[in-house]
Amino acid sequence: MRPLLAGVLAALFVAFTIEAAVRLSGRAGPLVTDPAFRWVEGASYWTYQANGRFEVYGPTWIETGDYGERIHASAGPEGRRRTVRSSDESGRPLVLVVGDSFTFGQAVASVDTWPALLEQFLALEYPEVRVLNAGVQGHSLNMIISHAGDLVRQIQPDLVLIAFIADDLDPRRDQKHIDRFGYIARGKAAPAPAIVPDLVRALARRSHALLLTKHWWERSGVVTTFPDSDTPSFDSETPATPRGWIVDLAELGGHLEDTPLVLLNLDLEETSASARMRRELEVWMPQAPLLYLPPYLETLPPSARRVPVDGHPSTAAHRVYAQAVLPVVREHLSGATVPVDAIAPEVLTAR
């Protein structure tokens, strides 16, 4: 009995030592998340729980609004800002930004995300402008398009920005769901497992050592090519017919009717996959302006474009995004409301 007890105590000591070492190293910090997500009924994507405060991947502290959008800053004494405009607010420009973690701003403060900076820059000319950050971590391009369609019907924006990266076409992005606790889980949703294993998994999510082990295990099996016919291959050909994701984008554009749509590629550097996405959009969706941002990021050294350890766009990269998007948004908003105290475009862009 004593040898068994000694063995158990030794194992616990080793486990706690490893856990403490991993926590002190900070390597698993970006993987920790609160149960902050919810699956959208009748849809194929998830969002953040509405009107809450959470710590999610990054690590990233966020506050959410009525539709799970990320709020740029805490609401003041008057309370949380309304997402849907009332009748007396119909003249206020409303820009909807939908995307993945590059738009959401993983590992970046709310006020430093490019949608927040875009709102700040626009406010010099449009003091009452609102830019809604509806980026969601882990979304595929299919999810981004579905999410955008649902939000447009609910909030009726003046302009819609769809932001993405080439990796959003990775088919593994669609192989995830939200479990009963509000965490993103790998694999398609299945019948609820036994409550005890489910609780064990929930507790394991608080262990930095186990999260890091799981992360390494999943990365060891990364597929380097996308075999699915509707995902990017790394050749130079443009298909003779538009692929499914382009058809979905075109359908979204049709549903917007008179609401302008702008497409943004946020890849931190140009790759064969991002270049192909650009080429195909220029061929099949010339009616939708495409802002291809990898060349803009060349003003920053590669190491300055990413958050250390996490690898997502840095605060400096978000500022480049906002400055590049600003002239396009200003052009579209020029008919949305009468500018107040307008300043020269070159001055605004430089701010």
Protein backbone atom coordinates (compact mmCIF):
# COMPACT_ATOMS: atom_id res chain seq x y z
CA MET A 1 0.00 0.00 0.00
CA ARG A 2 2.77 2.39 0.90
CA PRO A 3 4.63 1.93 -2.42
CA LEU A 4 1.35 2.62 -4.28
CA LEU A 5 0.71 5.77 -2.25
CA ALA A 6 4.29 6.90 -2.78
CA GLY A 7 3.91 6.33 -6.52
CA VAL A 8 0.69 8.37 -6.64
CA LEU A 9 2.25 11.22 -4.69
CA ALA A 10 5.31 11.17 -6.97
CA ALA A 11 3.09 11.28 -10.07
CA LEU A 12 1.12 14.19 -8.64
CA PHE A 13 4.34 16.02 -7.81
CA VAL A 14 5.64 15.56 -11.36
CA ALA A 15 2.28 16.66 -12.84
CA PHE A 16 2.16 19.81 -10.72
CA THR A 17 5.79 20.59 -11.50
CA ILE A 18 5.17 20.28 -15.25
CA GLU A 19 2.01 22.36 -14.98
CA ALA A 20 3.83 25.10 -13.07
CA ALA A 21 6.71 25.11 -15.56
CA VAL A 22 4.40 25.40 -18.57
CA ARG A 23 2.41 28.20 -16.93
CA LEU A 24 5.59 30.12 -16.09
CA SER A 25 6.83 29.69 -19.67
CA GLY A 26 3.68 31.30 -21.07
CA ARG A 27 3.69 28.94 -24.07
CA ALA A 28 0.10 27.80 -23.51
CA GLY A 29 -1.32 31.22 -22.63
CA PRO A 30 -2.77 31.81 -26.13
CA LEU A 31 -4.67 28.50 -25.91
CA VAL A 32 -6.68 29.26 -22.77
CA THR A 33 -10.28 30.39 -23.13
CA ASP A 34 -13.39 30.95 -21.08
CA PRO A 35 -16.61 29.17 -22.21
CA ALA A 36 -17.41 32.23 -24.32
CA PHE A 37 -18.94 30.76 -27.48
CA ARG A 38 -22.42 29.79 -28.57
CA TRP A 39 -23.66 27.85 -31.57
CA VAL A 40 -26.18 29.70 -33.74
CA GLU A 41 -29.33 27.63 -34.04
CA GLY A 42 -30.23 26.75 -37.62
CA ALA A 43 -26.86 28.00 -38.89
CA SER A 44 -23.41 26.50 -39.49
CA TYR A 45 -21.28 28.79 -37.34
CA TRP A 46 -20.76 30.06 -33.81
CA THR A 47 -20.44 33.49 -32.26
CA TYR A 48 -19.49 34.87 -28.86
CA GLN A 49 -22.11 34.96 -26.17
CA ALA A 50 -23.85 38.30 -26.15
CA ASN A 51 -23.35 41.04 -23.56
CA GLY A 52 -20.54 39.43 -21.63
CA ARG A 53 -16.89 39.74 -20.65
CA PHE A 54 -14.52 36.87 -21.39
CA GLU A 55 -10.91 35.81 -21.76
CA VAL A 56 -10.47 33.94 -25.04
CA TYR A 57 -7.63 32.71 -27.23
CA GLY A 58 -4.66 35.01 -27.38
CA PRO A 59 -5.03 35.50 -24.41
CA THR A 60 -7.57 38.20 -25.26
CA TRP A 61 -9.94 40.05 -22.95
CA ILE A 62 -13.18 41.01 -24.67
CA GLU A 63 -16.53 42.62 -24.02
CA THR A 64 -19.38 41.69 -26.34
CA GLY A 65 -22.54 43.46 -27.51
CA ASP A 66 -26.05 42.40 -28.41
CA TYR A 67 -24.98 40.18 -31.31
CA GLY A 68 -21.75 38.86 -29.85
CA GLU A 69 -19.74 41.56 -31.64
CA ARG A 70 -16.55 42.76 -29.96
CA ILE A 71 -17.01 46.16 -28.37
CA HIS A 72 -14.07 48.53 -28.85
CA ALA A 73 -14.16 49.94 -25.31
CA SER A 74 -16.22 49.60 -22.16
CA ALA A 75 -19.54 51.41 -22.24
CA GLY A 76 -19.69 54.65 -20.29
CA PRO A 77 -22.21 55.69 -17.65
CA GLU A 78 -24.97 55.84 -20.28
CA GLY A 79 -24.66 52.10 -20.76
CA ARG A 80 -23.84 49.81 -23.66
CA ARG A 81 -24.08 51.22 -27.15
CA ARG A 82 -27.04 50.06 -29.20
CA THR A 83 -26.25 47.72 -32.09
CA VAL A 84 -29.48 48.29 -33.99
CA ARG A 85 -30.20 51.91 -34.84
CA SER A 86 -33.37 53.51 -33.63
CA SER A 87 -35.45 55.73 -35.91
CA ASP A 88 -33.67 58.89 -34.74
CA GLU A 89 -30.28 57.34 -35.51
CA SER A 90 -30.98 56.46 -39.15
CA GLY A 91 -28.56 59.11 -40.40
CA ARG A 92 -25.59 57.68 -38.49
CA PRO A 93 -23.24 55.64 -40.68
CA LEU A 94 -22.98 51.99 -39.67
CA VAL A 95 -20.17 49.82 -41.05
CA LEU A 96 -20.33 46.05 -40.51
CA VAL A 97 -17.01 44.16 -40.49
CA VAL A 98 -17.20 40.35 -40.59
CA GLY A 99 -14.19 38.04 -40.54
CA ASP A 100 -12.08 35.61 -38.55
CA SER A 101 -9.52 36.08 -35.75
CA PHE A 102 -7.49 38.52 -37.90
CA THR A 103 -10.48 40.88 -37.80
CA PHE A 104 -11.53 40.03 -34.25
CA GLY A 105 -8.02 40.97 -33.07
CA GLN A 106 -6.69 37.91 -31.28
CA ALA A 107 -4.10 38.86 -28.63
CA VAL A 108 -4.75 42.57 -29.30
CA ALA A 109 -6.62 45.05 -27.09
CA SER A 110 -10.13 45.98 -28.24
CA VAL A 111 -9.18 49.59 -28.98
CA ASP A 112 -6.20 48.48 -31.11
CA THR A 113 -8.06 46.23 -33.56
CA TRP A 114 -8.31 47.53 -37.10
CA PRO A 115 -12.14 47.93 -36.93
CA ALA A 116 -11.70 50.06 -33.78
CA LEU A 117 -8.96 52.12 -35.41
CA LEU A 118 -11.04 52.49 -38.55
CA GLU A 119 -13.88 53.91 -36.47
CA GLN A 120 -11.45 56.26 -34.75
CA PHE A 121 -10.07 57.53 -38.08
CA LEU A 122 -13.54 57.90 -39.62
CA ALA A 123 -14.83 59.80 -36.60
CA LEU A 124 -12.75 62.79 -37.65
CA GLU A 125 -15.15 63.22 -40.57
CA TYR A 126 -18.17 61.23 -39.36
CA PRO A 127 -18.37 61.85 -35.58
CA GLU A 128 -21.26 59.43 -35.08
CA VAL A 129 -19.95 56.60 -37.25
CA ARG A 130 -19.99 53.09 -35.82
CA VAL A 131 -17.85 50.19 -37.02
CA LEU A 132 -19.05 46.83 -35.71
CA ASN A 133 -16.32 44.24 -35.20
CA ALA A 134 -18.07 40.92 -35.92
CA GLY A 135 -14.87 38.94 -36.41
CA VAL A 136 -14.97 35.50 -34.76
CA GLN A 137 -12.02 33.30 -33.92
CA GLY A 138 -11.79 30.06 -35.89
CA HIS A 139 -14.31 30.94 -38.58
CA SER A 140 -13.89 29.49 -42.05
CA LEU A 141 -14.85 31.50 -45.11
CA ASN A 142 -18.14 29.58 -45.26
CA MET A 143 -18.89 30.67 -41.70
CA ILE A 144 -17.87 34.27 -42.38
CA ILE A 145 -20.27 34.49 -45.32
CA SER A 146 -23.16 32.91 -43.38
CA HIS A 147 -22.52 35.14 -40.37
CA ALA A 148 -22.44 38.24 -42.58
CA GLY A 149 -25.74 37.35 -44.25
CA ASP A 150 -27.52 36.91 -40.93
CA LEU A 151 -26.14 40.14 -39.46
CA VAL A 152 -27.00 42.21 -42.53
CA ARG A 153 -30.65 41.19 -42.23
CA GLN A 154 -30.69 42.16 -38.55
CA ILE A 155 -28.79 45.44 -38.41
CA GLN A 156 -29.06 46.87 -41.97
CA PRO A 157 -25.61 48.49 -42.24
CA ASP A 158 -24.56 51.17 -44.73
CA LEU A 159 -21.48 49.21 -45.79
CA VAL A 160 -20.32 45.60 -45.39
CA LEU A 161 -16.66 44.58 -45.21
CA ILE A 162 -15.88 40.85 -45.59
CA ALA A 163 -12.32 40.12 -44.40
CA PHE A 164 -10.51 36.81 -44.80
CA ILE A 165 -7.18 35.04 -45.24
CA ALA A 166 -6.26 32.14 -47.51
CA ASP A 167 -6.25 29.73 -44.55
CA ASP A 168 -10.01 30.33 -44.15
CA LEU A 169 -10.47 27.85 -47.03
CA ASP A 170 -8.77 25.04 -45.10
CA PRO A 171 -11.50 22.33 -44.83
CA ARG A 172 -10.47 21.60 -41.25
CA ARG A 173 -11.94 24.97 -40.25
CA ASP A 174 -15.41 23.55 -40.86
CA GLN A 175 -14.71 20.45 -38.74
CA LYS A 176 -15.45 22.14 -35.43
CA HIS A 177 -18.46 22.86 -33.25
CA ILE A 178 -19.37 24.33 -29.87
CA ASP A 179 -19.87 21.91 -27.01
CA ARG A 180 -22.40 22.16 -24.19
CA PHE A 181 -20.02 24.22 -22.05
CA GLY A 182 -19.39 26.94 -24.63
CA TYR A 183 -15.96 25.86 -25.85
CA ILE A 184 -14.82 25.28 -29.43
CA ALA A 185 -14.38 21.53 -29.91
CA ARG A 186 -12.64 19.68 -32.72
CA GLY A 187 -14.72 17.40 -34.92
CA LYS A 188 -18.32 17.60 -36.03
CA ALA A 189 -20.98 17.75 -33.33
CA ALA A 190 -22.08 14.32 -32.12
CA PRO A 191 -24.58 13.00 -29.57
CA ALA A 192 -23.75 14.21 -26.08
CA PRO A 193 -21.19 11.92 -24.38
CA ALA A 194 -21.38 10.71 -20.82
CA ILE A 195 -21.36 13.58 -18.34
CA VAL A 196 -18.25 12.35 -16.48
CA PRO A 197 -15.94 12.31 -19.55
CA ASP A 198 -17.44 15.64 -20.56
CA LEU A 199 -16.59 17.13 -17.17
CA VAL A 200 -13.08 15.68 -17.37
CA ARG A 201 -12.58 17.40 -20.73
CA ALA A 202 -13.91 20.66 -19.29
CA LEU A 203 -11.46 20.47 -16.37
CA ALA A 204 -8.60 19.56 -18.73
CA ARG A 205 -9.14 22.84 -20.58
CA ARG A 206 -7.84 24.65 -17.51
CA SER A 207 -4.52 22.76 -17.61
CA HIS A 208 -1.88 24.65 -19.56
CA ALA A 209 0.28 21.53 -19.85
CA LEU A 210 -2.55 19.47 -21.36
CA LEU A 211 -3.57 22.31 -23.69
CA LEU A 212 0.00 22.61 -24.96
CA THR A 213 0.27 18.84 -25.43
CA LYS A 214 -2.99 18.81 -27.38
CA HIS A 215 -1.77 21.74 -29.50
CA TRP A 216 1.49 19.97 -30.38
CA TRP A 217 -0.38 16.74 -31.14
CA GLU A 218 -2.75 18.47 -33.56
CA ARG A 219 0.05 20.40 -35.24
CA SER A 220 2.03 17.19 -35.81
CA GLY A 221 -0.78 16.02 -38.07
CA VAL A 222 -1.15 19.21 -40.12
CA VAL A 223 -2.03 18.55 -43.75
CA THR A 224 0.15 20.55 -46.13
CA THR A 225 -2.25 20.42 -49.10
CA PHE A 226 -5.96 20.92 -49.46
CA PRO A 227 -7.35 17.94 -51.41
CA ASP A 228 -10.92 19.18 -51.47
CA SER A 229 -11.91 20.53 -54.90
CA ASP A 230 -13.31 23.73 -53.41
CA THR A 231 -10.15 24.71 -51.56
CA PRO A 232 -7.04 26.43 -52.88
CA SER A 233 -4.42 24.43 -54.70
CA PHE A 234 -1.04 26.01 -55.22
CA ASP A 235 -0.85 26.10 -59.00
CA SER A 236 -1.28 29.06 -61.31
CA GLU A 237 -4.49 28.00 -63.06
CA THR A 238 -7.78 29.78 -62.65
CA PRO A 239 -10.70 27.33 -62.84
CA ALA A 240 -13.05 27.57 -65.79
CA THR A 241 -16.02 27.98 -63.43
CA PRO A 242 -16.22 29.81 -60.09
CA ARG A 243 -15.75 27.63 -57.03
CA GLY A 244 -18.28 27.29 -54.26
CA TRP A 245 -16.91 30.01 -51.98
CA ILE A 246 -17.01 32.54 -54.80
CA VAL A 247 -20.59 31.56 -55.62
CA ASP A 248 -21.51 32.05 -51.95
CA LEU A 249 -19.88 35.49 -51.91
CA ALA A 250 -21.70 36.45 -55.08
CA GLU A 251 -25.03 35.33 -53.59
CA LEU A 252 -24.34 37.39 -50.48
CA GLY A 253 -23.62 40.40 -52.68
CA GLY A 254 -26.94 39.86 -54.44
CA HIS A 255 -28.83 39.75 -51.15
CA LEU A 256 -27.28 43.06 -50.08
CA GLU A 257 -29.12 44.86 -52.89
CA ASP A 258 -28.10 48.54 -52.52
CA THR A 259 -25.68 47.99 -49.61
CA PRO A 260 -22.07 48.17 -50.85
CA LEU A 261 -19.79 45.18 -50.28
CA VAL A 262 -15.99 45.38 -50.02
CA LEU A 263 -13.72 42.30 -49.82
CA LEU A 264 -10.46 42.36 -47.87
CA ASN A 265 -7.59 39.87 -47.90
CA LEU A 266 -5.64 40.24 -44.64
CA ASP A 267 -2.81 37.75 -45.17
CA LEU A 268 0.37 38.99 -43.49
CA GLU A 269 2.42 38.10 -46.57
CA GLU A 270 1.61 36.98 -50.06
CA THR A 271 1.49 33.23 -50.61
CA SER A 272 0.54 31.15 -53.64
CA ALA A 273 -2.84 30.53 -52.01
CA SER A 274 -3.54 34.21 -51.28
CA ALA A 275 -2.42 35.20 -54.78
CA ARG A 276 -4.78 32.65 -56.29
CA MET A 277 -7.69 33.91 -54.21
CA ARG A 278 -6.96 37.40 -55.49
CA ARG A 279 -6.77 36.24 -59.08
CA GLU A 280 -10.03 34.30 -58.93
CA LEU A 281 -11.94 37.13 -57.25
CA GLU A 282 -10.75 39.57 -59.87
CA VAL A 283 -12.02 37.20 -62.58
CA TRP A 284 -15.32 36.10 -61.05
CA MET A 285 -16.35 39.05 -58.84
CA PRO A 286 -15.06 42.21 -60.52
CA GLN A 287 -18.14 44.07 -59.28
CA ALA A 288 -17.00 43.75 -55.64
CA PRO A 289 -13.95 45.89 -54.74
CA LEU A 290 -11.12 43.73 -53.42
CA LEU A 291 -8.48 45.29 -51.18
CA TYR A 292 -5.48 42.97 -51.19
CA LEU A 293 -3.42 43.90 -48.12
CA PRO A 294 -0.25 41.71 -48.14
CA PRO A 295 1.74 44.38 -50.06
CA TYR A 296 0.75 47.01 -47.47
CA LEU A 297 2.32 44.89 -44.71
CA GLU A 298 5.70 45.06 -46.44
CA THR A 299 6.23 48.39 -44.63
CA LEU A 300 6.72 46.32 -41.45
CA PRO A 301 9.54 43.81 -40.79
CA PRO A 302 8.16 40.24 -40.73
CA SER A 303 8.77 39.97 -36.98
CA ALA A 304 6.79 43.18 -36.33
CA ARG A 305 3.70 41.91 -38.13
CA ARG A 306 2.88 39.20 -35.59
CA VAL A 307 2.13 38.94 -31.90
CA PRO A 308 4.97 36.95 -30.26
CA VAL A 309 4.08 33.32 -29.45
CA ASP A 310 0.49 33.76 -30.69
CA GLY A 311 1.41 34.62 -34.28
CA HIS A 312 -1.67 36.70 -35.14
CA PRO A 313 -1.43 40.27 -36.53
CA SER A 314 0.27 42.69 -34.15
CA THR A 315 -1.03 46.09 -33.11
CA ALA A 316 1.20 47.62 -35.78
CA ALA A 317 -0.31 45.33 -38.43
CA HIS A 318 -3.83 46.29 -37.35
CA ARG A 319 -2.93 49.96 -37.79
CA VAL A 320 -1.69 49.25 -41.32
CA TYR A 321 -4.95 47.44 -42.08
CA ALA A 322 -7.03 50.38 -40.82
CA GLN A 323 -5.02 52.97 -42.75
CA ALA A 324 -5.29 50.94 -45.96
CA VAL A 325 -9.04 50.36 -45.62
CA LEU A 326 -9.84 53.95 -44.64
CA PRO A 327 -9.91 55.59 -48.11
CA VAL A 328 -12.17 52.85 -49.51
CA VAL A 329 -14.64 53.15 -46.63
CA ARG A 330 -14.65 56.95 -46.81
CA GLU A 331 -15.50 56.77 -50.50
CA HIS A 332 -18.48 54.50 -49.85
CA LEU A 333 -19.73 56.47 -46.85
CA SER A 334 -19.63 59.77 -48.69
CA GLY A 335 -23.23 59.23 -49.75
CA ALA A 336 -24.42 57.84 -46.41
CA THR A 337 -24.53 61.12 -44.53
CA VAL A 338 -23.32 64.71 -44.79
CA PRO A 339 -19.69 64.98 -43.58
CA VAL A 340 -19.14 67.16 -40.53
CA ASP A 341 -15.92 69.19 -40.32
CA ALA A 342 -14.44 67.21 -43.19
CA ILE A 343 -10.67 67.30 -43.60
CA ALA A 344 -8.47 66.53 -46.59
CA PRO A 345 -8.21 62.79 -47.43
CA GLU A 346 -4.39 62.82 -47.35
CA VAL A 347 -4.44 64.31 -43.83
CA LEU A 348 -6.97 61.75 -42.60
CA THR A 349 -5.01 58.86 -44.09
CA ALA A 350 -1.85 60.01 -42.38
CA ARG A 351 -3.44 60.12 -38.93
